[in-house]
C-alpha cells in the first residue's frame, strides 16, 4: 500500500511540474448512496455471551462490543473534493483531496428490538479522508467524458451509542464505543455529462477497525464486569461500501 501511495504522489508531482500552465482548479460536491458490504452488513450472532458472562440464546439487545458494527442498512451521505486538472494530451489527469460522510442505520429487525426495549438503536457513520488521482478521457459523445479514479487515506468510524431499559430494575443502560481509525481506499468509474454533473459507481474499502468501549462506558462497569471485558478479545470490524455518487462540479 505504501508503494501505491508513493506512485500516486509522484504522478501528481510530475503533472504539477510538467503541465502547470494548463491546470484548472475544480471543486465538487457529491451526493452518496451506499450499500454496506462484508462484516459491516453481516448478520448478528444471536448465540453469544454478554458483558456479564451470560450466554444469550435469542435475539436480544444491546449488541455489546462483540456484535456492534454489524447489520448495517443501505445508507446515504455527502462528499466534498478539491482537484486540479491537467491536460496530458490524451485526456486529463486530476489529483484530488476529498472527504466523504456515509450514514448507515441498523436494519429494521434490530431497530425494532431496541424500540421494544424502550431504548435507542445505534447509527453508523464513516468519514473517509483521501488523496487520489482521476483520469478523464477526451469527450466522446455529446459532452460525455468517462473517467476512472483511485484514492487512499484514513477512515473515521463512528458508532452511535446504544441504550436499553432493563426490565428487571427499570434502569437505562448506555453503551458507547471508540473504534480506531483505519487505512482506507476507494476505486471508481463513471462519466461527466457536460462540465458540471457526473455520475459514478465506487467501492470504498474503509478498513479494519478495532472496537472498544469508550472510557465513560468502561468506567461505569463494576469490577467483575471489567474483569470479564478485559479478559475478552477486542473485536474488529472490516467496513466496506458500494456507492453511487452524483457529483456537481464548479
C-alpha atoms as a PDB file:
ATOM      1  CA  UNK A   1       0.000   0.000   0.000  1.00  0.00           C
ATOM      2  CA  UNK A   2       2.892   2.408   0.766  1.00  0.00           C
ATOM      3  CA  UNK A   3       4.270   1.804  -2.718  1.00  0.00           C
ATOM      4  CA  UNK A   4       0.913   2.702  -4.256  1.00  0.00           C
ATOM      5  CA  UNK A   5       0.794   5.948  -2.270  1.00  0.00           C
ATOM      6  CA  UNK A   6       4.317   6.881  -3.442  1.00  0.00           C
ATOM      7  CA  UNK A   7       3.407   6.232  -7.086  1.00  0.00           C
ATOM      8  CA  UNK A   8       0.284   8.366  -6.770  1.00  0.00           C
ATOM      9  CA  UNK A   9       2.228  11.222  -5.176  1.00  0.00           C
ATOM     10  CA  UNK A  10       4.924  11.034  -7.847  1.00  0.00           C
ATOM     11  CA  UNK A  11       2.293  11.106 -10.582  1.00  0.00           C
ATOM     12  CA  UNK A  12       0.707  14.169  -9.019  1.00  0.00           C
ATOM     13  CA  UNK A  13       4.048  15.990  -8.723  1.00  0.00           C
ATOM     14  CA  UNK A  14       5.001  15.205 -12.335  1.00  0.00           C
ATOM     15  CA  UNK A  15       1.663  16.523 -13.504  1.00  0.00           C
ATOM     16  CA  UNK A  16       2.081  19.699 -11.459  1.00  0.00           C
ATOM     17  CA  UNK A  17       5.594  20.364 -12.759  1.00  0.00           C
ATOM     18  CA  UNK A  18       5.052  19.436 -16.402  1.00  0.00           C
ATOM     19  CA  UNK A  19       1.669  20.970 -17.154  1.00  0.00           C
ATOM     20  CA  UNK A  20       1.053  23.689 -14.572  1.00  0.00           C
ATOM     21  CA  UNK A  21       0.170  26.232 -17.254  1.00  0.00           C
ATOM     22  CA  UNK A  22      -2.917  24.250 -18.224  1.00  0.00           C
ATOM     23  CA  UNK A  23      -4.064  23.483 -14.670  1.00  0.00           C
ATOM     24  CA  UNK A  24      -7.707  24.014 -13.798  1.00  0.00           C
ATOM     25  CA  UNK A  25      -8.798  24.148 -10.170  1.00  0.00           C
ATOM     26  CA  UNK A  26     -12.146  22.460  -9.580  1.00  0.00           C
ATOM     27  CA  UNK A  27     -14.388  21.963  -6.570  1.00  0.00           C
ATOM     28  CA  UNK A  28     -17.003  19.235  -6.334  1.00  0.00           C
ATOM     29  CA  UNK A  29     -19.917  18.290  -4.105  1.00  0.00           C
ATOM     30  CA  UNK A  30     -21.267  14.727  -4.125  1.00  0.00           C
ATOM     31  CA  UNK A  31     -24.485  13.044  -3.095  1.00  0.00           C
ATOM     32  CA  UNK A  32     -23.700   9.481  -1.998  1.00  0.00           C
ATOM     33  CA  UNK A  33     -25.972   6.460  -1.863  1.00  0.00           C
ATOM     34  CA  UNK A  34     -24.280   3.424  -0.306  1.00  0.00           C
ATOM     35  CA  UNK A  35     -24.692  -0.310   0.238  1.00  0.00           C
ATOM     36  CA  UNK A  36     -22.846  -1.888   3.183  1.00  0.00           C
ATOM     37  CA  UNK A  37     -20.718  -4.969   2.491  1.00  0.00           C
ATOM     38  CA  UNK A  38     -18.725  -7.597   4.374  1.00  0.00           C
ATOM     39  CA  UNK A  39     -18.762  -7.632   8.177  1.00  0.00           C
ATOM     40  CA  UNK A  40     -20.477  -4.246   8.177  1.00  0.00           C
ATOM     41  CA  UNK A  41     -23.601  -5.820   6.646  1.00  0.00           C
ATOM     42  CA  UNK A  42     -23.230  -9.275   8.236  1.00  0.00           C
ATOM     43  CA  UNK A  43     -25.773 -10.944  10.496  1.00  0.00           C
ATOM     44  CA  UNK A  44     -25.558 -10.588  14.249  1.00  0.00           C
ATOM     45  CA  UNK A  45     -24.642 -13.753  16.129  1.00  0.00           C
ATOM     46  CA  UNK A  46     -27.660 -14.388  18.351  1.00  0.00           C
ATOM     47  CA  UNK A  47     -25.847 -17.136  20.288  1.00  0.00           C
ATOM     48  CA  UNK A  48     -23.306 -15.031  22.124  1.00  0.00           C
ATOM     49  CA  UNK A  49     -22.068 -14.030  25.570  1.00  0.00           C
ATOM     50  CA  UNK A  50     -22.894 -10.634  27.069  1.00  0.00           C
ATOM     51  CA  UNK A  51     -20.633  -8.458  29.233  1.00  0.00           C
ATOM     52  CA  UNK A  52     -21.840 -10.195  32.416  1.00  0.00           C
ATOM     53  CA  UNK A  53     -20.684 -13.555  31.071  1.00  0.00           C
ATOM     54  CA  UNK A  54     -24.272 -14.726  30.434  1.00  0.00           C
ATOM     55  CA  UNK A  55     -24.925 -16.753  27.272  1.00  0.00           C
ATOM     56  CA  UNK A  56     -27.617 -15.183  25.098  1.00  0.00           C
ATOM     57  CA  UNK A  57     -29.529 -17.761  23.100  1.00  0.00           C
ATOM     58  CA  UNK A  58     -32.011 -15.473  21.385  1.00  0.00           C
ATOM     59  CA  UNK A  59     -32.028 -12.165  19.537  1.00  0.00           C
ATOM     60  CA  UNK A  60     -31.669  -9.704  22.418  1.00  0.00           C
ATOM     61  CA  UNK A  61     -30.332  -6.174  22.640  1.00  0.00           C
ATOM     62  CA  UNK A  62     -27.999  -4.433  23.248  1.00  0.00           C
ATOM     63  CA  UNK A  63     -25.409  -5.836  20.858  1.00  0.00           C
ATOM     64  CA  UNK A  64     -22.403  -5.013  23.075  1.00  0.00           C
ATOM     65  CA  UNK A  65     -18.963  -4.571  21.525  1.00  0.00           C
ATOM     66  CA  UNK A  66     -18.833  -8.227  20.380  1.00  0.00           C
ATOM     67  CA  UNK A  67     -21.574  -7.669  17.753  1.00  0.00           C
ATOM     68  CA  UNK A  68     -21.785  -3.892  17.331  1.00  0.00           C
ATOM     69  CA  UNK A  69     -20.848  -2.584  13.884  1.00  0.00           C
ATOM     70  CA  UNK A  70     -22.913  -5.206  12.056  1.00  0.00           C
ATOM     71  CA  UNK A  71     -26.375  -5.340  10.429  1.00  0.00           C
ATOM     72  CA  UNK A  72     -25.925  -2.024   8.588  1.00  0.00           C
ATOM     73  CA  UNK A  73     -28.612  -0.953   6.133  1.00  0.00           C
ATOM     74  CA  UNK A  74     -28.098   0.896   2.822  1.00  0.00           C
ATOM     75  CA  UNK A  75     -27.193   4.492   3.601  1.00  0.00           C
ATOM     76  CA  UNK A  76     -26.533   7.922   2.186  1.00  0.00           C
ATOM     77  CA  UNK A  77     -24.220  10.879   2.641  1.00  0.00           C
ATOM     78  CA  UNK A  78     -22.279  13.780   1.210  1.00  0.00           C
ATOM     79  CA  UNK A  79     -18.804  14.445  -0.127  1.00  0.00           C
ATOM     80  CA  UNK A  80     -16.507  17.361  -0.962  1.00  0.00           C
ATOM     81  CA  UNK A  81     -13.492  17.377  -3.282  1.00  0.00           C
ATOM     82  CA  UNK A  82     -10.844  19.865  -4.398  1.00  0.00           C
ATOM     83  CA  UNK A  83      -8.845  18.947  -7.509  1.00  0.00           C
ATOM     84  CA  UNK A  84      -6.583  20.235 -10.263  1.00  0.00           C
ATOM     85  CA  UNK A  85      -6.973  19.084 -13.856  1.00  0.00           C
ATOM     86  CA  UNK A  86      -4.032  18.823 -16.238  1.00  0.00           C
ATOM     87  CA  UNK A  87      -4.192  18.166 -19.967  1.00  0.00           C
ATOM     88  CA  UNK A  88      -1.836  15.265 -20.751  1.00  0.00           C
ATOM     89  CA  UNK A  89      -2.505  15.053 -24.476  1.00  0.00           C
ATOM     90  CA  UNK A  90      -4.861  12.075 -24.423  1.00  0.00           C
ATOM     91  CA  UNK A  91      -7.277  13.181 -21.758  1.00  0.00           C
ATOM     92  CA  UNK A  92      -6.729  14.818 -18.393  1.00  0.00           C
ATOM     93  CA  UNK A  93      -5.223  13.823 -15.057  1.00  0.00           C
ATOM     94  CA  UNK A  94      -6.710  15.292 -11.887  1.00  0.00           C
ATOM     95  CA  UNK A  95      -5.027  14.826  -8.471  1.00  0.00           C
ATOM     96  CA  UNK A  96      -7.569  15.444  -5.701  1.00  0.00           C
ATOM     97  CA  UNK A  97      -8.213  15.645  -1.983  1.00  0.00           C
ATOM     98  CA  UNK A  98     -11.655  14.692  -0.716  1.00  0.00           C
ATOM     99  CA  UNK A  99     -13.728  13.915   2.345  1.00  0.00           C
ATOM    100  CA  UNK A 100     -16.968  11.942   2.488  1.00  0.00           C
ATOM    101  CA  UNK A 101     -19.590  11.165   5.096  1.00  0.00           C
ATOM    102  CA  UNK A 102     -21.567   7.909   4.936  1.00  0.00           C
ATOM    103  CA  UNK A 103     -24.522   7.381   7.276  1.00  0.00           C
ATOM    104  CA  UNK A 104     -25.957   3.880   7.743  1.00  0.00           C
ATOM    105  CA  UNK A 105     -28.689   2.723  10.094  1.00  0.00           C
ATOM    106  CA  UNK A 106     -29.010  -0.656  11.775  1.00  0.00           C
ATOM    107  CA  UNK A 107     -31.518  -2.893   9.989  1.00  0.00           C
ATOM    108  CA  UNK A 108     -35.202  -2.741  10.893  1.00  0.00           C
ATOM    109  CA  UNK A 109     -35.418  -6.141  12.595  1.00  0.00           C
ATOM    110  CA  UNK A 110     -32.843  -4.982  15.145  1.00  0.00           C
ATOM    111  CA  UNK A 111     -34.051  -1.391  15.462  1.00  0.00           C
ATOM    112  CA  UNK A 112     -37.489  -2.798  16.332  1.00  0.00           C
ATOM    113  CA  UNK A 113     -35.905  -4.750  19.192  1.00  0.00           C
ATOM    114  CA  UNK A 114     -34.480  -1.528  20.618  1.00  0.00           C
ATOM    115  CA  UNK A 115     -37.924   0.043  20.455  1.00  0.00           C
ATOM    116  CA  UNK A 116     -39.337  -2.947  22.334  1.00  0.00           C
ATOM    117  CA  UNK A 117     -36.590  -2.498  24.929  1.00  0.00           C
ATOM    118  CA  UNK A 118     -37.535   1.207  25.244  1.00  0.00           C
ATOM    119  CA  UNK A 119     -34.060   2.118  24.089  1.00  0.00           C
ATOM    120  CA  UNK A 120     -32.150   3.654  21.202  1.00  0.00           C
ATOM    121  CA  UNK A 121     -30.559   1.793  18.317  1.00  0.00           C
ATOM    122  CA  UNK A 122     -27.038   2.747  17.192  1.00  0.00           C
ATOM    123  CA  UNK A 123     -26.308   4.539  13.924  1.00  0.00           C
ATOM    124  CA  UNK A 124     -23.082   4.167  11.963  1.00  0.00           C
ATOM    125  CA  UNK A 125     -21.005   6.954  10.424  1.00  0.00           C
ATOM    126  CA  UNK A 126     -17.900   6.615   8.265  1.00  0.00           C
ATOM    127  CA  UNK A 127     -15.803   9.660   7.376  1.00  0.00           C
ATOM    128  CA  UNK A 128     -13.048   8.744   4.899  1.00  0.00           C
ATOM    129  CA  UNK A 129     -10.497  11.445   4.008  1.00  0.00           C
ATOM    130  CA  UNK A 130      -8.441  10.602   0.923  1.00  0.00           C
ATOM    131  CA  UNK A 131      -5.883  11.712  -1.614  1.00  0.00           C
ATOM    132  CA  UNK A 132      -6.189  10.311  -5.115  1.00  0.00           C
ATOM    133  CA  UNK A 133      -5.988  10.811  -8.834  1.00  0.00           C
ATOM    134  CA  UNK A 134      -8.528  10.715 -11.671  1.00  0.00           C
ATOM    135  CA  UNK A 135      -8.037  10.049 -15.353  1.00  0.00           C
ATOM    136  CA  UNK A 136     -10.592  11.640 -17.690  1.00  0.00           C
ATOM    137  CA  UNK A 137     -10.777  10.605 -21.320  1.00  0.00           C
ATOM    138  CA  UNK A 138     -11.492  13.203 -24.020  1.00  0.00           C
ATOM    139  CA  UNK A 139     -15.148  13.891 -24.729  1.00  0.00           C
ATOM    140  CA  UNK A 140     -16.708  11.089 -26.751  1.00  0.00           C
ATOM    141  CA  UNK A 141     -20.376  11.688 -27.450  1.00  0.00           C
ATOM    142  CA  UNK A 142     -22.213  14.946 -26.894  1.00  0.00           C
ATOM    143  CA  UNK A 143     -20.093  16.175 -23.983  1.00  0.00           C
ATOM    144  CA  UNK A 144     -19.897  12.782 -22.239  1.00  0.00           C
ATOM    145  CA  UNK A 145     -16.460  12.295 -20.626  1.00  0.00           C
ATOM    146  CA  UNK A 146     -15.734   8.902 -18.980  1.00  0.00           C
ATOM    147  CA  UNK A 147     -13.348   8.748 -16.039  1.00  0.00           C
ATOM    148  CA  UNK A 148     -11.683   6.310 -13.630  1.00  0.00           C
ATOM    149  CA  UNK A 149     -10.054   7.104 -10.289  1.00  0.00           C
ATOM    150  CA  UNK A 150      -8.368   5.718  -7.221  1.00  0.00           C
ATOM    151  CA  UNK A 151      -7.690   7.107  -3.753  1.00  0.00           C
ATOM    152  CA  UNK A 152      -6.161   6.153  -0.387  1.00  0.00           C
ATOM    153  CA  UNK A 153      -6.474   7.690   3.041  1.00  0.00           C
ATOM    154  CA  UNK A 154      -7.927   7.120   6.507  1.00  0.00           C
ATOM    155  CA  UNK A 155     -11.446   6.354   7.713  1.00  0.00           C
ATOM    156  CA  UNK A 156     -13.006   7.568  10.945  1.00  0.00           C
ATOM    157  CA  UNK A 157     -15.664   5.042  12.018  1.00  0.00           C
ATOM    158  CA  UNK A 158     -18.226   6.445  14.472  1.00  0.00           C
ATOM    159  CA  UNK A 159     -20.711   4.167  16.240  1.00  0.00           C
ATOM    160  CA  UNK A 160     -23.643   5.866  17.924  1.00  0.00           C
ATOM    161  CA  UNK A 161     -24.354   4.782  21.487  1.00  0.00           C
ATOM    162  CA  UNK A 162     -26.992   2.119  22.159  1.00  0.00           C
ATOM    163  CA  UNK A 163     -29.470   2.339  25.047  1.00  0.00           C
ATOM    164  CA  UNK A 164     -31.866  -0.157  26.628  1.00  0.00           C
ATOM    165  CA  UNK A 165     -34.111  -0.199  29.691  1.00  0.00           C
ATOM    166  CA  UNK A 166     -33.548  -3.223  31.906  1.00  0.00           C
ATOM    167  CA  UNK A 167     -36.983  -4.773  32.574  1.00  0.00           C
ATOM    168  CA  UNK A 168     -35.827  -6.076  35.977  1.00  0.00           C
ATOM    169  CA  UNK A 169     -34.598  -2.881  37.635  1.00  0.00           C
ATOM    170  CA  UNK A 170     -36.078  -0.292  35.239  1.00  0.00           C
ATOM    171  CA  UNK A 171     -32.727   1.442  34.774  1.00  0.00           C
ATOM    172  CA  UNK A 172     -31.493   2.762  31.431  1.00  0.00           C
ATOM    173  CA  UNK A 173     -28.139   1.357  30.357  1.00  0.00           C
ATOM    174  CA  UNK A 174     -25.984   3.104  27.756  1.00  0.00           C
ATOM    175  CA  UNK A 175     -23.077   1.578  25.842  1.00  0.00           C
ATOM    176  CA  UNK A 176     -20.762   3.797  23.814  1.00  0.00           C
ATOM    177  CA  UNK A 177     -17.843   2.817  21.618  1.00  0.00           C
ATOM    178  CA  UNK A 178     -14.484   4.070  20.403  1.00  0.00           C
ATOM    179  CA  UNK A 179     -13.379   2.410  17.128  1.00  0.00           C
ATOM    180  CA  UNK A 180      -9.859   3.028  15.880  1.00  0.00           C
ATOM    181  CA  UNK A 181      -9.071   4.990  12.706  1.00  0.00           C
ATOM    182  CA  UNK A 182      -8.155   2.666   9.812  1.00  0.00           C
ATOM    183  CA  UNK A 183      -6.377   2.834   6.465  1.00  0.00           C
ATOM    184  CA  UNK A 184      -8.938   3.115   3.655  1.00  0.00           C
ATOM    185  CA  UNK A 185      -9.089   3.186  -0.135  1.00  0.00           C
ATOM    186  CA  UNK A 186     -11.591   3.624  -2.921  1.00  0.00           C
ATOM    187  CA  UNK A 187     -11.846   2.893  -6.640  1.00  0.00           C
ATOM    188  CA  UNK A 188     -14.494   4.107  -9.047  1.00  0.00           C
ATOM    189  CA  UNK A 189     -15.528   4.900 -12.593  1.00  0.00           C
ATOM    190  CA  UNK A 190     -18.237   6.921 -14.256  1.00  0.00           C
ATOM    191  CA  UNK A 191     -18.843   9.787 -16.642  1.00  0.00           C
ATOM    192  CA  UNK A 192     -19.204  13.557 -16.745  1.00  0.00           C
ATOM    193  CA  UNK A 193     -22.258  14.873 -18.542  1.00  0.00           C
ATOM    194  CA  UNK A 194     -21.097  18.284 -19.676  1.00  0.00           C
ATOM    195  CA  UNK A 195     -18.798  20.183 -17.293  1.00  0.00           C
ATOM    196  CA  UNK A 196     -20.887  20.341 -14.156  1.00  0.00           C
ATOM    197  CA  UNK A 197     -22.576  16.974 -13.483  1.00  0.00           C
ATOM    198  CA  UNK A 198     -21.186  13.442 -13.127  1.00  0.00           C
ATOM    199  CA  UNK A 199     -22.341  10.001 -12.008  1.00  0.00           C
ATOM    200  CA  UNK A 200     -20.149   7.078 -10.929  1.00  0.00           C
ATOM    201  CA  UNK A 201     -20.052   3.705  -9.210  1.00  0.00           C
ATOM    202  CA  UNK A 202     -17.462   3.145  -6.469  1.00  0.00           C
ATOM    203  CA  UNK A 203     -16.198   0.688  -3.938  1.00  0.00           C
ATOM    204  CA  UNK A 204     -14.890   2.027  -0.627  1.00  0.00           C
ATOM    205  CA  UNK A 205     -12.691  -0.267   1.452  1.00  0.00           C
ATOM    206  CA  UNK A 206     -12.989   1.559   4.760  1.00  0.00           C
ATOM    207  CA  UNK A 207     -10.568  -0.559   6.710  1.00  0.00           C
ATOM    208  CA  UNK A 208     -10.395  -2.852   9.712  1.00  0.00           C
ATOM    209  CA  UNK A 209     -11.416  -1.057  12.903  1.00  0.00           C
ATOM    210  CA  UNK A 210     -10.777  -2.269  16.448  1.00  0.00           C
ATOM    211  CA  UNK A 211     -13.914  -1.622  18.521  1.00  0.00           C
ATOM    212  CA  UNK A 212     -13.543  -0.844  22.242  1.00  0.00           C
ATOM    213  CA  UNK A 213     -15.842   0.639  24.852  1.00  0.00           C
ATOM    214  CA  UNK A 214     -15.132   4.296  25.428  1.00  0.00           C
ATOM    215  CA  UNK A 215     -13.734   5.363  28.796  1.00  0.00           C
ATOM    216  CA  UNK A 216     -17.055   6.577  30.232  1.00  0.00           C
ATOM    217  CA  UNK A 217     -18.770   3.261  29.466  1.00  0.00           C
ATOM    218  CA  UNK A 218     -15.824   1.193  30.699  1.00  0.00           C
ATOM    219  CA  UNK A 219     -15.630   3.149  33.971  1.00  0.00           C
ATOM    220  CA  UNK A 220     -19.352   2.515  34.563  1.00  0.00           C
ATOM    221  CA  UNK A 221     -18.810  -1.262  34.848  1.00  0.00           C
ATOM    222  CA  UNK A 222     -18.411  -2.966  38.215  1.00  0.00           C
ATOM    223  CA  UNK A 223     -15.095  -4.759  38.941  1.00  0.00           C
ATOM    224  CA  UNK A 224     -16.466  -8.192  37.948  1.00  0.00           C
ATOM    225  CA  UNK A 225     -17.757  -6.895  34.615  1.00  0.00           C
ATOM    226  CA  UNK A 226     -14.469  -5.072  33.969  1.00  0.00           C
ATOM    227  CA  UNK A 227     -12.633  -8.324  34.543  1.00  0.00           C
ATOM    228  CA  UNK A 228     -14.818 -10.138  32.018  1.00  0.00           C
ATOM    229  CA  UNK A 229     -14.372  -7.320  29.489  1.00  0.00           C
ATOM    230  CA  UNK A 230     -10.601  -7.224  29.984  1.00  0.00           C
ATOM    231  CA  UNK A 231     -10.343 -10.998  29.561  1.00  0.00           C
ATOM    232  CA  UNK A 232     -12.247 -10.954  26.275  1.00  0.00           C
ATOM    233  CA  UNK A 233     -10.899 -10.478  22.778  1.00  0.00           C
ATOM    234  CA  UNK A 234     -11.364  -6.955  21.459  1.00  0.00           C
ATOM    235  CA  UNK A 235     -13.424  -7.333  18.269  1.00  0.00           C
ATOM    236  CA  UNK A 236     -12.643  -5.834  14.879  1.00  0.00           C
ATOM    237  CA  UNK A 237     -14.960  -4.741  12.070  1.00  0.00           C
ATOM    238  CA  UNK A 238     -13.972  -4.672   8.423  1.00  0.00           C
ATOM    239  CA  UNK A 239     -16.107  -1.979   6.810  1.00  0.00           C
ATOM    240  CA  UNK A 240     -16.914  -1.670   3.123  1.00  0.00           C
ATOM    241  CA  UNK A 241     -19.423   0.237   0.991  1.00  0.00           C
ATOM    242  CA  UNK A 242     -20.534   0.173  -2.625  1.00  0.00           C
ATOM    243  CA  UNK A 243     -21.565   3.698  -3.550  1.00  0.00           C
ATOM    244  CA  UNK A 244     -23.430   5.556  -6.266  1.00  0.00           C
ATOM    245  CA  UNK A 245     -22.118   9.130  -6.381  1.00  0.00           C
ATOM    246  CA  UNK A 246     -23.767  12.042  -8.159  1.00  0.00           C
ATOM    247  CA  UNK A 247     -21.310  14.930  -8.470  1.00  0.00           C
ATOM    248  CA  UNK A 248     -21.773  18.644  -9.047  1.00  0.00           C
ATOM    249  CA  UNK A 249     -18.613  20.438 -10.210  1.00  0.00           C
ATOM    250  CA  UNK A 250     -17.708  24.100 -10.344  1.00  0.00           C
END
